[in-house]
C-alpha atoms as a PDB file:
ATOM      1  CA  MET A   1     -28.555   0.456  36.122  1.00  0.00           C
ATOM      2  CA  SER A   2     -26.570  -2.863  37.154  1.00  0.00           C
ATOM      3  CA  GLN A   3     -22.939  -3.144  36.841  1.00  0.00           C
ATOM      4  CA  GLU A   4     -22.080  -5.099  33.523  1.00  0.00           C
ATOM      5  CA  ARG A   5     -19.965  -8.338  34.283  1.00  0.00           C
ATOM      6  CA  GLU A   6     -18.143  -9.576  31.261  1.00  0.00           C
ATOM      7  CA  VAL A   7     -18.526 -13.645  30.954  1.00  0.00           C
ATOM      8  CA  GLU A   8     -15.381 -15.108  29.894  1.00  0.00           C
ATOM      9  CA  VAL A   9     -16.000 -18.249  27.587  1.00  0.00           C
ATOM     10  CA  PRO A  10     -13.916 -21.236  27.376  1.00  0.00           C
ATOM     11  CA  ARG A  11     -11.962 -21.252  24.253  1.00  0.00           C
ATOM     12  CA  GLU A  12     -12.319 -24.305  21.681  1.00  0.00           C
ATOM     13  CA  SER A  13      -9.392 -25.245  20.148  1.00  0.00           C
ATOM     14  CA  HIS A  14      -8.878 -23.786  16.779  1.00  0.00           C
ATOM     15  CA  ALA A  15     -11.891 -21.675  16.973  1.00  0.00           C
ATOM     16  CA  ILE A  16     -11.801 -18.269  15.928  1.00  0.00           C
ATOM     17  CA  THR A  17     -11.863 -16.068  19.013  1.00  0.00           C
ATOM     18  CA  ILE A  18     -13.994 -12.929  18.602  1.00  0.00           C
ATOM     19  CA  MET A  19     -14.220  -9.487  20.768  1.00  0.00           C
ATOM     20  CA  ILE A  20     -17.375  -7.097  20.487  1.00  0.00           C
ATOM     21  CA  VAL A  21     -16.967  -3.460  20.893  1.00  0.00           C
ATOM     22  CA  SER A  22     -20.045  -1.255  20.916  1.00  0.00           C
ATOM     23  CA  ASP A  23     -21.269   1.231  23.084  1.00  0.00           C
ATOM     24  CA  VAL A  24     -24.907  -0.234  23.144  1.00  0.00           C
ATOM     25  CA  ARG A  25     -25.048  -3.054  25.786  1.00  0.00           C
ATOM     26  CA  LEU A  26     -28.041  -4.766  23.767  1.00  0.00           C
ATOM     27  CA  TYR A  27     -25.803  -5.202  20.602  1.00  0.00           C
ATOM     28  CA  ARG A  28     -22.810  -6.757  22.636  1.00  0.00           C
ATOM     29  CA  GLU A  29     -25.048  -9.226  24.656  1.00  0.00           C
ATOM     30  CA  GLY A  30     -27.045 -10.225  21.629  1.00  0.00           C
ATOM     31  CA  LEU A  31     -24.209 -10.827  19.395  1.00  0.00           C
ATOM     32  CA  ALA A  32     -22.336 -12.601  21.913  1.00  0.00           C
ATOM     33  CA  ALA A  33     -25.047 -14.842  22.420  1.00  0.00           C
ATOM     34  CA  SER A  34     -25.769 -15.462  18.861  1.00  0.00           C
ATOM     35  CA  LEU A  35     -22.078 -15.960  17.680  1.00  0.00           C
ATOM     36  CA  GLY A  36     -21.076 -18.097  20.704  1.00  0.00           C
ATOM     37  CA  GLN A  37     -23.713 -20.750  19.629  1.00  0.00           C
ATOM     38  CA  ARG A  38     -22.098 -20.945  16.096  1.00  0.00           C
ATOM     39  CA  ALA A  39     -19.437 -23.778  15.790  1.00  0.00           C
ATOM     40  CA  GLY A  40     -15.716 -22.443  15.499  1.00  0.00           C
ATOM     41  CA  PHE A  41     -16.424 -19.214  17.072  1.00  0.00           C
ATOM     42  CA  THR A  42     -15.524 -18.435  20.695  1.00  0.00           C
ATOM     43  CA  VAL A  43     -16.730 -15.075  22.151  1.00  0.00           C
ATOM     44  CA  ALA A  44     -13.947 -14.020  24.383  1.00  0.00           C
ATOM     45  CA  GLY A  45     -15.350 -10.935  25.711  1.00  0.00           C
ATOM     46  CA  SER A  46     -16.813  -7.433  24.692  1.00  0.00           C
ATOM     47  CA  ALA A  47     -16.351  -3.738  25.675  1.00  0.00           C
ATOM     48  CA  ARG A  48     -17.642  -0.242  25.350  1.00  0.00           C
ATOM     49  CA  TYR A  49     -15.449   1.902  23.252  1.00  0.00           C
ATOM     50  CA  ALA A  50     -14.036   3.672  26.369  1.00  0.00           C
ATOM     51  CA  ASP A  51     -12.674   0.268  27.840  1.00  0.00           C
ATOM     52  CA  GLU A  52     -11.750  -1.061  24.190  1.00  0.00           C
ATOM     53  CA  ALA A  53      -8.049  -0.753  24.488  1.00  0.00           C
ATOM     54  CA  ALA A  54      -7.569  -2.433  27.921  1.00  0.00           C
ATOM     55  CA  ARG A  55      -9.610  -5.374  26.938  1.00  0.00           C
ATOM     56  CA  LEU A  56      -7.938  -5.913  23.813  1.00  0.00           C
ATOM     57  CA  ALA A  57      -4.690  -5.929  25.056  1.00  0.00           C
ATOM     58  CA  GLU A  58      -6.317  -8.525  27.647  1.00  0.00           C
ATOM     59  CA  ILE A  59      -7.930 -10.857  25.273  1.00  0.00           C
ATOM     60  CA  GLN A  60      -6.081 -10.519  21.806  1.00  0.00           C
ATOM     61  CA  PRO A  61      -8.747 -12.039  19.902  1.00  0.00           C
ATOM     62  CA  ASN A  62      -8.454 -13.029  16.134  1.00  0.00           C
ATOM     63  CA  VAL A  63     -11.323 -10.749  15.067  1.00  0.00           C
ATOM     64  CA  LEU A  64     -12.591  -7.639  16.721  1.00  0.00           C
ATOM     65  CA  LEU A  65     -16.176  -6.545  15.653  1.00  0.00           C
ATOM     66  CA  LEU A  66     -16.352  -2.998  15.807  1.00  0.00           C
ATOM     67  CA  ASP A  67     -20.101  -1.321  15.756  1.00  0.00           C
ATOM     68  CA  MET A  68     -19.506   1.808  13.265  1.00  0.00           C
ATOM     69  CA  SER A  69     -22.469   3.669  14.602  1.00  0.00           C
ATOM     70  CA  SER A  70     -19.769   4.973  16.931  1.00  0.00           C
ATOM     71  CA  ARG A  71     -17.490   7.755  15.248  1.00  0.00           C
ATOM     72  CA  ALA A  72     -14.588   6.075  17.284  1.00  0.00           C
ATOM     73  CA  GLY A  73     -14.824   2.993  15.221  1.00  0.00           C
ATOM     74  CA  VAL A  74     -12.208   4.214  12.500  1.00  0.00           C
ATOM     75  CA  ASP A  75      -9.675   5.656  14.905  1.00  0.00           C
ATOM     76  CA  VAL A  76      -9.623   2.080  16.413  1.00  0.00           C
ATOM     77  CA  ILE A  77      -9.262   0.562  13.337  1.00  0.00           C
ATOM     78  CA  ARG A  78      -6.579   2.451  12.305  1.00  0.00           C
ATOM     79  CA  ARG A  79      -4.628   1.797  15.722  1.00  0.00           C
ATOM     80  CA  VAL A  80      -5.216  -2.044  15.683  1.00  0.00           C
ATOM     81  CA  ALA A  81      -3.980  -2.383  11.955  1.00  0.00           C
ATOM     82  CA  ALA A  82      -0.899  -0.104  12.744  1.00  0.00           C
ATOM     83  CA  SER A  83      -0.411  -2.458  16.024  1.00  0.00           C
ATOM     84  CA  GLY A  84       0.745  -5.437  14.359  1.00  0.00           C
ATOM     85  CA  SER A  85      -1.285  -7.564  16.716  1.00  0.00           C
ATOM     86  CA  GLY A  86      -2.330  -9.667  13.874  1.00  0.00           C
ATOM     87  CA  THR A  87      -6.059  -8.814  14.950  1.00  0.00           C
ATOM     88  CA  ARG A  88      -8.452  -8.191  12.071  1.00  0.00           C
ATOM     89  CA  THR A  89     -11.123  -6.031  12.270  1.00  0.00           C
ATOM     90  CA  VAL A  90     -14.818  -6.254  10.880  1.00  0.00           C
ATOM     91  CA  ALA A  91     -16.831  -3.280  10.894  1.00  0.00           C
ATOM     92  CA  PHE A  92     -20.438  -3.947  11.338  1.00  0.00           C
ATOM     93  CA  ALA A  93     -23.525  -1.494  11.251  1.00  0.00           C
ATOM     94  CA  VAL A  94     -21.870   0.220   8.086  1.00  0.00           C
ATOM     95  CA  GLU A  95     -23.562   2.473   5.640  1.00  0.00           C
ATOM     96  CA  GLU A  96     -23.079   0.531   2.328  1.00  0.00           C
ATOM     97  CA  THR A  97     -21.787   3.837   0.459  1.00  0.00           C
ATOM     98  CA  GLU A  98     -18.853   3.641  -1.509  1.00  0.00           C
ATOM     99  CA  ARG A  99     -17.521   6.563   0.825  1.00  0.00           C
ATOM    100  CA  ASP A 100     -17.760   4.754   3.987  1.00  0.00           C
ATOM    101  CA  ILE A 101     -16.567   1.443   2.921  1.00  0.00           C
ATOM    102  CA  VAL A 102     -13.488   3.185   1.480  1.00  0.00           C
ATOM    103  CA  ILE A 103     -12.881   4.872   4.645  1.00  0.00           C
ATOM    104  CA  CYS A 104     -12.816   1.633   6.376  1.00  0.00           C
ATOM    105  CA  ALA A 105     -11.014  -0.162   3.998  1.00  0.00           C
ATOM    106  CA  GLU A 106      -8.052   2.823   4.164  1.00  0.00           C
ATOM    107  CA  ALA A 107      -8.169   2.641   7.768  1.00  0.00           C
ATOM    108  CA  GLY A 108      -7.148  -1.155   7.721  1.00  0.00           C
ATOM    109  CA  ALA A 109     -10.599  -2.967   8.216  1.00  0.00           C
ATOM    110  CA  ALA A 110     -10.341  -6.684   6.800  1.00  0.00           C
ATOM    111  CA  GLY A 111     -14.162  -6.648   6.359  1.00  0.00           C
ATOM    112  CA  TYR A 112     -17.498  -5.023   6.842  1.00  0.00           C
ATOM    113  CA  VAL A 113     -21.162  -5.968   7.287  1.00  0.00           C
ATOM    114  CA  PRO A 114     -23.734  -3.222   6.235  1.00  0.00           C
ATOM    115  CA  CYS A 115     -26.273  -2.044   8.458  1.00  0.00           C
ATOM    116  CA  ASP A 116     -29.064  -4.349   6.924  1.00  0.00           C
ATOM    117  CA  GLY A 117     -26.715  -7.429   7.080  1.00  0.00           C
ATOM    118  CA  THR A 118     -27.921 -10.398   8.809  1.00  0.00           C
ATOM    119  CA  LEU A 119     -26.118 -12.698  11.583  1.00  0.00           C
ATOM    120  CA  ASP A 120     -25.521 -14.894   8.625  1.00  0.00           C
ATOM    121  CA  ASP A 121     -23.798 -12.480   7.044  1.00  0.00           C
ATOM    122  CA  LEU A 122     -21.730 -11.470   9.988  1.00  0.00           C
ATOM    123  CA  ALA A 123     -20.720 -14.881  10.567  1.00  0.00           C
ATOM    124  CA  ASN A 124     -19.761 -15.490   6.961  1.00  0.00           C
ATOM    125  CA  THR A 125     -17.812 -12.407   7.003  1.00  0.00           C
ATOM    126  CA  ILE A 126     -15.853 -13.139  10.196  1.00  0.00           C
ATOM    127  CA  ARG A 127     -14.930 -16.768   8.589  1.00  0.00           C
ATOM    128  CA  SER A 128     -13.964 -14.856   5.283  1.00  0.00           C
ATOM    129  CA  VAL A 129     -11.678 -12.542   7.243  1.00  0.00           C
ATOM    130  CA  SER A 130     -10.161 -15.146   9.354  1.00  0.00           C
ATOM    131  CA  ARG A 131      -8.809 -16.876   5.820  1.00  0.00           C
ATOM    132  CA  GLY A 132      -7.700 -13.311   4.369  1.00  0.00           C
ATOM    133  CA  GLU A 133     -10.783 -12.975   2.005  1.00  0.00           C
ATOM    134  CA  LEU A 134     -13.059 -10.310   1.525  1.00  0.00           C
ATOM    135  CA  LEU A 135     -16.857 -10.593   1.099  1.00  0.00           C
ATOM    136  CA  CYS A 136     -18.197  -7.477  -0.863  1.00  0.00           C
ATOM    137  CA  SER A 137     -20.423  -6.814  -3.435  1.00  0.00           C
ATOM    138  CA  PRO A 138     -19.142  -6.099  -7.187  1.00  0.00           C
ATOM    139  CA  ARG A 139     -19.966  -2.290  -6.742  1.00  0.00           C
ATOM    140  CA  ILE A 140     -18.033  -1.950  -3.442  1.00  0.00           C
ATOM    141  CA  ALA A 141     -15.208  -4.178  -5.078  1.00  0.00           C
ATOM    142  CA  ALA A 142     -15.096  -1.650  -8.299  1.00  0.00           C
ATOM    143  CA  ALA A 143     -14.944   1.148  -5.649  1.00  0.00           C
ATOM    144  CA  LEU A 144     -12.122  -0.473  -3.830  1.00  0.00           C
ATOM    145  CA  PHE A 145     -10.219  -0.489  -6.989  1.00  0.00           C
ATOM    146  CA  ARG A 146     -10.670   2.970  -7.919  1.00  0.00           C
ATOM    147  CA  ALA A 147      -9.838   3.909  -4.545  1.00  0.00           C
ATOM    148  CA  LEU A 148      -6.447   2.056  -4.970  1.00  0.00           C
ATOM    149  CA  HIS A 149      -5.707   3.819  -8.109  1.00  0.00           C
ATOM    150  CA  THR A 150      -6.508   7.132  -6.775  1.00  0.00           C
ATOM    151  CA  ASN A 151      -4.469   6.609  -3.737  1.00  0.00           C
ATOM    152  CA  ALA A 152      -1.680   4.943  -5.283  1.00  0.00           C
ATOM    153  CA  PRO A 153       1.716   6.580  -5.485  1.00  0.00           C
ATOM    154  CA  LYS A 154       2.741   7.993  -8.632  1.00  0.00           C
ATOM    155  CA  PRO A 155       6.129   7.760 -10.293  1.00  0.00           C
ATOM    156  CA  GLU A 156       8.415  10.503  -9.733  1.00  0.00           C
ATOM    157  CA  PRO A 157      10.140  11.906 -13.013  1.00  0.00           C
ATOM    158  CA  ASP A 158      13.853  11.213 -13.570  1.00  0.00           C
ATOM    159  CA  ARG A 159      15.399  14.083 -11.840  1.00  0.00           C
ATOM    160  CA  LEU A 160      18.566  13.954 -14.098  1.00  0.00           C
ATOM    161  CA  ALA A 161      16.252  13.981 -17.501  1.00  0.00           C
ATOM    162  CA  LEU A 162      14.721  17.008 -16.223  1.00  0.00           C
ATOM    163  CA  THR A 163      18.043  18.748 -15.898  1.00  0.00           C
ATOM    164  CA  LEU A 164      19.420  18.038 -19.127  1.00  0.00           C
ATOM    165  CA  THR A 165      19.507  20.125 -22.247  1.00  0.00           C
ATOM    166  CA  ALA A 166      17.740  19.256 -25.460  1.00  0.00           C
ATOM    167  CA  ARG A 167      21.099  19.024 -27.078  1.00  0.00           C
ATOM    168  CA  GLU A 168      22.623  16.841 -24.008  1.00  0.00           C
ATOM    169  CA  ARG A 169      19.588  14.618 -24.318  1.00  0.00           C
ATOM    170  CA  GLU A 170      20.846  13.893 -28.198  1.00  0.00           C
ATOM    171  CA  ILE A 171      24.376  13.092 -26.844  1.00  0.00           C
ATOM    172  CA  ALA A 172      23.429  11.286 -24.097  1.00  0.00           C
ATOM    173  CA  PRO A 173      22.347   7.921 -25.829  1.00  0.00           C
ATOM    174  CA  LEU A 174      25.335   8.443 -28.228  1.00  0.00           C
ATOM    175  CA  ILE A 175      27.731   8.372 -25.514  1.00  0.00           C
ATOM    176  CA  ASP A 176      26.016   5.103 -24.099  1.00  0.00           C
ATOM    177  CA  ARG A 177      26.778   3.550 -27.619  1.00  0.00           C
ATOM    178  CA  GLY A 178      30.310   4.454 -27.119  1.00  0.00           C
ATOM    179  CA  LEU A 179      30.591   7.073 -29.875  1.00  0.00           C
ATOM    180  CA  SER A 180      33.578   9.325 -29.504  1.00  0.00           C
ATOM    181  CA  ASN A 181      33.174  12.942 -29.481  1.00  0.00           C
ATOM    182  CA  LYS A 182      34.362  12.988 -33.308  1.00  0.00           C
ATOM    183  CA  GLU A 183      31.657  10.197 -34.242  1.00  0.00           C
ATOM    184  CA  ILE A 184      28.968  12.456 -32.332  1.00  0.00           C
ATOM    185  CA  ALA A 185      29.850  15.467 -34.123  1.00  0.00           C
ATOM    186  CA  ALA A 186      29.369  14.000 -37.448  1.00  0.00           C
ATOM    187  CA  HIS A 187      26.341  12.213 -36.313  1.00  0.00           C
ATOM    188  CA  LEU A 188      24.736  15.533 -35.328  1.00  0.00           C
ATOM    189  CA  HIS A 189      26.483  17.606 -37.709  1.00  0.00           C
ATOM    190  CA  ILE A 190      28.119  19.988 -34.864  1.00  0.00           C
ATOM    191  CA  GLU A 191      31.518  21.148 -33.967  1.00  0.00           C
ATOM    192  CA  VAL A 192      33.856  18.672 -32.243  1.00  0.00           C
ATOM    193  CA  ALA A 193      34.513  21.384 -29.725  1.00  0.00           C
ATOM    194  CA  THR A 194      30.895  22.065 -29.274  1.00  0.00           C
ATOM    195  CA  VAL A 195      30.406  18.148 -28.363  1.00  0.00           C
ATOM    196  CA  LYS A 196      33.347  18.430 -25.714  1.00  0.00           C
ATOM    197  CA  ASN A 197      31.534  21.066 -23.864  1.00  0.00           C
ATOM    198  CA  HIS A 198      28.260  19.039 -23.857  1.00  0.00           C
ATOM    199  CA  VAL A 199      29.792  15.891 -22.451  1.00  0.00           C
ATOM    200  CA  HIS A 200      31.754  17.813 -20.045  1.00  0.00           C
ATOM    201  CA  ASN A 201      28.551  19.143 -18.799  1.00  0.00           C
ATOM    202  CA  LEU A 202      27.088  15.480 -18.955  1.00  0.00           C
ATOM    203  CA  LEU A 203      29.941  14.099 -16.765  1.00  0.00           C
ATOM    204  CA  GLU A 204      29.135  16.896 -14.204  1.00  0.00           C
ATOM    205  CA  LYS A 205      25.486  16.302 -14.164  1.00  0.00           C
ATOM    206  CA  LEU A 206      26.052  12.397 -13.878  1.00  0.00           C
ATOM    207  CA  GLN A 207      28.572  13.107 -11.370  1.00  0.00           C
ATOM    208  CA  VAL A 208      31.242  10.731 -12.764  1.00  0.00           C
ATOM    209  CA  ALA A 209      34.570  10.813 -14.036  1.00  0.00           C
ATOM    210  CA  SER A 210      34.750   8.987 -17.298  1.00  0.00           C
ATOM    211  CA  ARG A 211      32.773   8.214 -20.316  1.00  0.00           C
ATOM    212  CA  GLY A 212      32.636   4.572 -19.245  1.00  0.00           C
ATOM    213  CA  GLU A 213      31.024   5.242 -15.981  1.00  0.00           C
ATOM    214  CA  ALA A 214      28.537   7.731 -17.877  1.00  0.00           C
ATOM    215  CA  ALA A 215      27.391   5.075 -20.250  1.00  0.00           C
ATOM    216  CA  ALA A 216      26.724   3.031 -17.109  1.00  0.00           C
ATOM    217  CA  ARG A 217      24.935   5.467 -15.436  1.00  0.00           C
ATOM    218  CA  LEU A 218      22.657   6.456 -18.397  1.00  0.00           C
ATOM    219  CA  ARG A 219      21.986   2.780 -19.192  1.00  0.00           C
ATOM    220  CA  SER A 220      20.410   2.831 -15.702  1.00  0.00           C
ATOM    221  CA  GLY A 221      18.811   6.039 -15.353  1.00  0.00           C
ATOM    222  CA  PRO A 222      15.021   6.218 -16.481  1.00  0.00           C
ATOM    223  CA  GLY A 223      13.627   8.742 -18.372  1.00  0.00           C
ATOM    224  CA  LEU A 224      16.809   8.988 -20.905  1.00  0.00           C
ATOM    225  CA  PRO A 225      16.373   8.087 -24.711  1.00  0.00           C
ATOM    226  CA  ALA A 226      17.883   4.194 -24.453  1.00  0.00           C
ATOM    227  CA  PHE A 227      19.888   2.660 -27.330  1.00  0.00           C
ATOM    228  CA  PRO A 228      21.049  -0.855 -27.075  1.00  0.00           C
ATOM    229  CA  ALA A 229      24.897  -0.868 -26.321  1.00  0.00           C
ATOM    230  CA  ARG A 230      26.967  -2.431 -29.135  1.00  0.00           C
ATOM    231  CA  GLN A 231      29.992  -4.992 -28.720  1.00  0.00           C
ATOM    232  CA  GLY A 232      32.978  -3.163 -28.339  1.00  0.00           C
ATOM    233  CA  ASP A 233      31.534   0.288 -27.553  1.00  0.00           C
ATOM    234  CA  LEU A 234      32.725   0.370 -23.896  1.00  0.00           C
ATOM    235  CA  ALA A 235      36.285  -0.320 -25.058  1.00  0.00           C
ATOM    236  CA  ARG A 236      36.170   2.801 -27.100  1.00  0.00           C
ATOM    237  CA  SER A 237      34.269   4.706 -24.858  1.00  0.00           C
ATOM    238  CA  ALA A 238      37.273   6.646 -23.184  1.00  0.00           C
ATOM    239  CA  GLU A 239      38.135   8.139 -26.753  1.00  0.00           C
ATOM    240  CA  GLY A 240      37.799  11.840 -27.128  1.00  0.00           C
ATOM    241  CA  THR A 241      37.474  12.049 -22.798  1.00  0.00           C
ATOM    242  CA  VAL A 242      37.407  15.566 -21.772  1.00  0.00           C
END
């Protein structure tokens, strides 16, 4: 078997520089010959997966074409995406199943061409990716949106709201309105001393020293009942401080 010699092609001004990675030499040479003849493309080199990292660092292409018939493809996509190099990856020879496309997308691929894609499909995908766009079928687009929804971080419940008792949750918005202990007691039909105890516990849980600070914290904290502040409430908020 003759030793493979990479042929460097002079780069055209403003051309999209491409590097091809495949363990099948026929794929590398065939794609390089075909894409190199198309306007706007410069095939700067190719490599097997074993040599990909060194060649990638040397060439620094705009677009990296990865033959996904190799299991190493997904790992390379992740590494290139994490490198911050600006190189965009296009996975080709991909089984066009929702699972395989989502795996490539989650790894960081910028585009893909399925197993039955044509050279024109590949060229169009490269151009699309270089513009920051994605070519895919409506079915795959729907799958990507479903995956995005499934994997999106879920908002955590407010820790403070989870620690408040039922009565404290009733009193909290009344403090936010600036009501005094006596007014809260009348509103809830409970003893003033009972209100003082609950307010004291709220101040401790809020880690504040005054009702004014408590009102500000309650107004900014998610997950608590919200009541609009009335004009003059804050001026009266210290009344009945425990």
